[in-house]
C-alpha cells in the first residue's frame, strides 16, 4: 500500500512543484547494438537515479523510426514503475525509439526573476505575481543500430523541443567530442541549458554529479565523457502564455546514449 501511495504522489509531483525538476525521463534499451537481434526491448520511466525506474512513463505516441525514415506506432506494457516496448530491428541501419510528444498535467506557475516556478498551492504565490496555467509536454528518445549506422532516423521532427545529433549516437566515443544541436519548432535555441547525467554505479562511494552545458547562438552544444557507459542528456524549455493562447507550455526532452572506447 505504501508503494502505491508513493507512486501516486510522484506522478502528481512530476506535473507540479520541485519534483518536476528532480525526476527526469529516460529510455533505456536492452542493448544499443542490435546487430544480432530482430527486436529490442526498451524501458521508459521517470527517475532521480539513472537508470533505476521509479515512475512509469505512459504515452499514447510510442513509435519507432526505422532506417528508411518511416515511423510506426508501438504499444507499451505499462507497469507501476516502468513502461516496456518492443521494437523490430530486422533491417540494417539505425532506429529511433521514441515516446512521442506526451502531454502531462496542467499546473499553476509564476514567473519570478525570469524563471518559472511551479506552485503546489497557488494561494502561496509570491506577492505581486500572477499564477498561470502551464502544461507539461515530455519526449524521450534513444537510438539503436543494426550493422552500420545510418542517418534517416536522426532527422528532426521540427516540432517542440528536441536534440539533433551531429555526431551519430552509435558512434559516440569516450574521450571524444559528441556534437548536438538543440531545436525548438525546428529553430536553433541560443543559451539553452542542457544537463548530462551518467548512469549511477550503486556500489560506488560517491554519486556522479550532473554536468551542466549551454548551447551557443546556433543551438550547438558539445558533450565529452571520460568513461564508457550509458548517459542521458536533457533540457527544459518553457513558453509563456499569450492572449491568443492562455496556457503556457513546459517542454522536456531527453536522449539516452552509450559511449564506448
Protein backbone atom coordinates (compact mmCIF):
# COMPACT_ATOMS: atom_id res chain seq x y z
CA UNK A 1 0.00 0.00 0.00
CA UNK A 2 2.83 2.41 0.86
CA UNK A 3 4.38 1.70 -2.56
CA UNK A 4 1.12 2.56 -4.34
CA UNK A 5 0.74 5.79 -2.37
CA UNK A 6 4.33 6.75 -3.12
CA UNK A 7 3.88 6.18 -6.87
CA UNK A 8 0.72 8.28 -6.90
CA UNK A 9 2.49 11.10 -5.09
CA UNK A 10 5.39 11.00 -7.52
CA UNK A 11 3.08 11.12 -10.52
CA UNK A 12 1.40 14.22 -9.14
CA UNK A 13 4.74 15.78 -8.29
CA UNK A 14 6.08 15.31 -11.80
CA UNK A 15 3.49 17.78 -13.03
CA UNK A 16 3.97 20.43 -10.33
CA UNK A 17 6.45 21.77 -7.86
CA UNK A 18 10.04 20.75 -7.20
CA UNK A 19 9.54 17.13 -8.24
CA UNK A 20 9.25 18.32 -11.82
CA UNK A 21 12.90 19.29 -11.55
CA UNK A 22 14.02 16.25 -9.55
CA UNK A 23 12.53 13.43 -11.61
CA UNK A 24 13.82 13.05 -15.14
CA UNK A 25 12.54 10.96 -18.07
CA UNK A 26 14.66 8.36 -19.82
CA UNK A 27 14.56 5.46 -22.26
CA UNK A 28 16.92 2.51 -21.86
CA UNK A 29 17.25 -0.26 -24.47
CA UNK A 30 18.24 -3.83 -23.68
CA UNK A 31 21.20 -3.17 -26.00
CA UNK A 32 22.36 -0.31 -28.25
CA UNK A 33 23.96 -2.65 -30.80
CA UNK A 34 21.17 -4.81 -32.24
CA UNK A 35 23.28 -6.41 -34.97
CA UNK A 36 22.46 -9.93 -33.79
CA UNK A 37 18.82 -9.25 -32.82
CA UNK A 38 15.49 -8.96 -34.59
CA UNK A 39 13.97 -6.80 -31.88
CA UNK A 40 14.97 -4.59 -28.97
CA UNK A 41 13.17 -4.06 -25.69
CA UNK A 42 13.15 -0.51 -24.33
CA UNK A 43 12.09 0.68 -20.90
CA UNK A 44 10.72 4.15 -20.21
CA UNK A 45 10.46 5.74 -16.78
CA UNK A 46 11.00 8.80 -14.62
CA UNK A 47 13.76 8.64 -12.03
CA UNK A 48 16.02 10.53 -9.67
CA UNK A 49 18.77 7.91 -10.04
CA UNK A 50 19.82 6.87 -13.53
CA UNK A 51 18.90 4.31 -14.71
CA UNK A 52 16.69 2.92 -11.96
CA UNK A 53 12.98 3.28 -12.81
CA UNK A 54 10.72 4.92 -10.25
CA UNK A 55 7.57 6.09 -12.07
CA UNK A 56 6.17 4.62 -15.29
CA UNK A 57 6.34 6.85 -18.38
CA UNK A 58 3.00 6.43 -20.08
CA UNK A 59 2.45 7.71 -23.62
CA UNK A 60 -0.09 7.33 -26.40
CA UNK A 61 2.55 8.19 -29.02
CA UNK A 62 5.21 5.47 -28.65
CA UNK A 63 6.84 4.85 -32.03
CA UNK A 64 9.90 3.55 -33.84
CA UNK A 65 11.52 5.40 -36.75
CA UNK A 66 13.29 2.91 -38.99
CA UNK A 67 16.44 3.15 -41.12
CA UNK A 68 14.28 4.24 -44.06
CA UNK A 69 12.78 7.09 -42.04
CA UNK A 70 9.35 5.52 -41.75
CA UNK A 71 7.53 5.90 -38.43
CA UNK A 72 5.47 3.07 -36.96
CA UNK A 73 3.48 3.10 -33.71
CA UNK A 74 4.44 0.88 -30.78
CA UNK A 75 2.28 -0.44 -27.96
CA UNK A 76 3.70 -0.23 -24.44
CA UNK A 77 3.14 -2.51 -21.49
CA UNK A 78 2.76 -0.18 -18.52
CA UNK A 79 3.87 -1.48 -15.13
CA UNK A 80 3.88 0.58 -11.95
CA UNK A 81 7.48 1.77 -12.24
CA UNK A 82 8.31 1.31 -15.91
CA UNK A 83 6.85 1.08 -19.40
CA UNK A 84 8.19 -1.58 -21.79
CA UNK A 85 8.05 -1.57 -25.59
CA UNK A 86 9.43 -3.99 -28.17
CA UNK A 87 10.66 -2.59 -31.48
CA UNK A 88 11.50 -4.73 -34.52
CA UNK A 89 15.07 -4.28 -35.81
CA UNK A 90 15.27 -6.63 -38.79
CA UNK A 91 16.63 -4.11 -41.32
CA UNK A 92 20.21 -2.85 -41.27
CA UNK A 93 20.75 0.69 -40.01
CA UNK A 94 19.74 2.99 -37.15
CA UNK A 95 16.40 3.08 -35.34
CA UNK A 96 14.92 5.79 -33.14
CA UNK A 97 12.61 4.58 -30.39
CA UNK A 98 10.55 7.47 -29.03
CA UNK A 99 7.78 8.19 -26.57
CA UNK A 100 6.49 10.80 -28.97
CA UNK A 101 5.21 14.06 -27.55
CA UNK A 102 3.36 13.08 -24.38
CA UNK A 103 1.05 15.59 -22.71
CA UNK A 104 1.17 15.82 -18.95
CA UNK A 105 -0.88 17.68 -16.40
CA UNK A 106 -1.53 21.39 -16.28
CA UNK A 107 -0.24 23.12 -13.15
CA UNK A 108 -0.01 26.65 -11.83
CA UNK A 109 3.27 28.52 -12.30
CA UNK A 110 4.60 32.02 -11.73
CA UNK A 111 7.45 33.90 -13.35
CA UNK A 112 9.96 35.00 -10.69
CA UNK A 113 13.09 36.90 -11.75
CA UNK A 114 12.88 35.43 -15.25
CA UNK A 115 12.44 31.84 -14.05
CA UNK A 116 9.23 29.83 -13.98
CA UNK A 117 8.39 28.35 -10.60
CA UNK A 118 5.63 25.77 -10.14
CA UNK A 119 3.21 26.03 -7.24
CA UNK A 120 1.72 23.23 -5.21
CA UNK A 121 -0.62 25.79 -3.64
CA UNK A 122 -1.50 28.77 -5.92
CA UNK A 123 -2.66 30.67 -2.82
CA UNK A 124 1.00 30.83 -1.75
CA UNK A 125 2.18 32.63 -4.88
CA UNK A 126 4.79 35.35 -4.23
CA UNK A 127 3.34 38.82 -3.69
CA UNK A 128 2.83 40.70 -6.92
CA UNK A 129 2.96 37.57 -9.11
CA UNK A 130 0.09 36.14 -11.15
CA UNK A 131 -0.20 32.34 -11.39
CA UNK A 132 -0.84 30.99 -14.89
CA UNK A 133 -1.66 27.56 -16.26
CA UNK A 134 1.42 25.66 -17.51
CA UNK A 135 1.03 22.34 -19.30
CA UNK A 136 3.89 19.84 -19.38
CA UNK A 137 4.97 18.09 -22.58
CA UNK A 138 7.67 15.42 -22.49
CA UNK A 139 9.51 13.46 -25.16
CA UNK A 140 12.31 10.92 -24.73
CA UNK A 141 14.34 9.24 -27.48
CA UNK A 142 17.02 6.58 -27.85
CA UNK A 143 18.86 5.25 -30.91
CA UNK A 144 19.94 1.67 -31.58
CA UNK A 145 21.79 0.35 -34.65
CA UNK A 146 21.94 -2.89 -36.59
CA UNK A 147 25.20 -3.12 -38.54
CA UNK A 148 26.48 0.17 -39.96
CA UNK A 149 24.91 3.40 -38.63
CA UNK A 150 22.52 5.28 -40.92
CA UNK A 151 21.13 8.82 -40.85
CA UNK A 152 17.43 8.76 -41.81
CA UNK A 153 16.14 8.11 -38.26
CA UNK A 154 18.11 11.12 -36.98
CA UNK A 155 16.04 13.64 -38.96
CA UNK A 156 14.40 16.24 -36.67
CA UNK A 157 10.65 16.41 -36.11
CA UNK A 158 10.81 20.23 -36.27
CA UNK A 159 8.09 20.37 -33.62
CA UNK A 160 8.60 21.09 -29.95
CA UNK A 161 11.92 20.67 -28.14
CA UNK A 162 14.49 18.17 -29.44
CA UNK A 163 18.18 17.44 -29.95
CA UNK A 164 19.60 16.76 -33.40
CA UNK A 165 22.65 14.51 -33.28
CA UNK A 166 25.52 15.88 -35.38
CA UNK A 167 27.75 13.09 -34.08
CA UNK A 168 25.90 9.85 -34.73
CA UNK A 169 24.71 8.45 -31.37
CA UNK A 170 26.01 4.99 -32.31
CA UNK A 171 29.48 6.45 -32.89
CA UNK A 172 29.97 8.38 -29.65
CA UNK A 173 33.42 7.58 -28.29
CA UNK A 174 34.71 8.02 -24.76
CA UNK A 175 37.12 10.95 -24.52
CA UNK A 176 35.97 12.48 -27.83
CA UNK A 177 33.55 15.34 -28.53
CA UNK A 178 29.96 14.43 -29.38
CA UNK A 179 28.09 17.32 -31.00
CA UNK A 180 24.37 18.10 -30.90
CA UNK A 181 22.01 20.94 -31.82
CA UNK A 182 19.00 21.89 -29.70
CA UNK A 183 15.92 22.94 -31.67
CA UNK A 184 12.51 24.29 -30.76
CA UNK A 185 9.93 24.05 -33.53
CA UNK A 186 12.81 23.48 -35.94
CA UNK A 187 14.80 26.58 -34.94
CA UNK A 188 18.11 26.60 -33.00
CA UNK A 189 17.85 27.68 -29.38
CA UNK A 190 20.54 30.03 -28.09
CA UNK A 191 21.63 29.73 -24.46
CA UNK A 192 19.62 26.60 -23.72
CA UNK A 193 20.63 24.82 -20.53
CA UNK A 194 21.36 21.12 -21.07
CA UNK A 195 22.10 18.61 -18.31
CA UNK A 196 24.23 15.48 -18.71
CA UNK A 197 23.60 12.57 -16.33
CA UNK A 198 25.71 9.42 -16.05
CA UNK A 199 24.41 6.02 -15.03
CA UNK A 200 24.84 5.63 -11.31
CA UNK A 201 27.02 2.85 -10.01
CA UNK A 202 25.04 1.74 -6.97
CA UNK A 203 28.21 0.34 -5.45
CA UNK A 204 30.27 3.50 -5.95
CA UNK A 205 31.25 5.51 -2.89
CA UNK A 206 30.22 8.80 -4.50
CA UNK A 207 27.42 9.62 -6.92
CA UNK A 208 28.49 11.33 -10.14
CA UNK A 209 27.27 14.94 -10.26
CA UNK A 210 25.35 16.07 -13.36
CA UNK A 211 27.22 18.21 -15.88
CA UNK A 212 25.63 21.49 -16.95
CA UNK A 213 26.03 22.63 -20.55
CA UNK A 214 24.75 25.62 -22.55
CA UNK A 215 24.02 25.85 -26.28
CA UNK A 216 25.65 28.56 -28.41
CA UNK A 217 23.94 31.08 -30.71
CA UNK A 218 23.39 28.34 -33.30
CA UNK A 219 21.92 25.91 -30.79
CA UNK A 220 25.08 23.79 -30.74
CA UNK A 221 26.48 22.07 -27.66
CA UNK A 222 29.22 19.51 -27.15
CA UNK A 223 29.32 16.53 -24.81
CA UNK A 224 32.52 14.74 -23.81
CA UNK A 225 32.54 11.87 -21.32
CA UNK A 226 35.66 10.42 -19.75
CA UNK A 227 34.45 6.89 -19.10
CA UNK A 228 32.47 4.34 -21.05
CA UNK A 229 28.86 3.88 -20.04
CA UNK A 230 25.28 4.97 -20.56
CA UNK A 231 24.30 8.64 -20.34
CA UNK A 232 21.22 10.86 -20.54
CA UNK A 233 21.09 14.46 -21.75
CA UNK A 234 18.01 16.59 -21.25
CA UNK A 235 16.67 20.12 -21.49
CA UNK A 236 13.56 22.05 -20.46
CA UNK A 237 12.09 24.92 -22.46
CA UNK A 238 9.12 26.95 -21.28
CA UNK A 239 6.77 29.05 -23.37
CA UNK A 240 4.76 31.77 -21.66
CA UNK A 241 1.02 32.05 -22.23
CA UNK A 242 -0.23 34.70 -24.64
CA UNK A 243 -3.50 36.49 -25.31
CA UNK A 244 -4.12 34.05 -28.15
CA UNK A 245 -3.16 31.01 -26.06
CA UNK A 246 -3.70 31.49 -22.31
CA UNK A 247 -1.99 28.19 -21.40
CA UNK A 248 1.81 28.10 -21.17
CA UNK A 249 3.89 25.08 -22.15
CA UNK A 250 6.76 23.38 -20.32
CA UNK A 251 8.70 21.16 -22.72
CA UNK A 252 11.15 18.48 -21.58
CA UNK A 253 13.31 16.47 -23.98
CA UNK A 254 15.66 13.61 -23.07
CA UNK A 255 18.06 11.49 -25.10
CA UNK A 256 19.92 8.39 -23.88
CA UNK A 257 23.19 7.31 -25.49
CA UNK A 258 26.03 4.89 -24.92
CA UNK A 259 29.71 5.85 -25.05
CA UNK A 260 32.35 3.22 -25.81
CA UNK A 261 36.11 3.29 -26.23
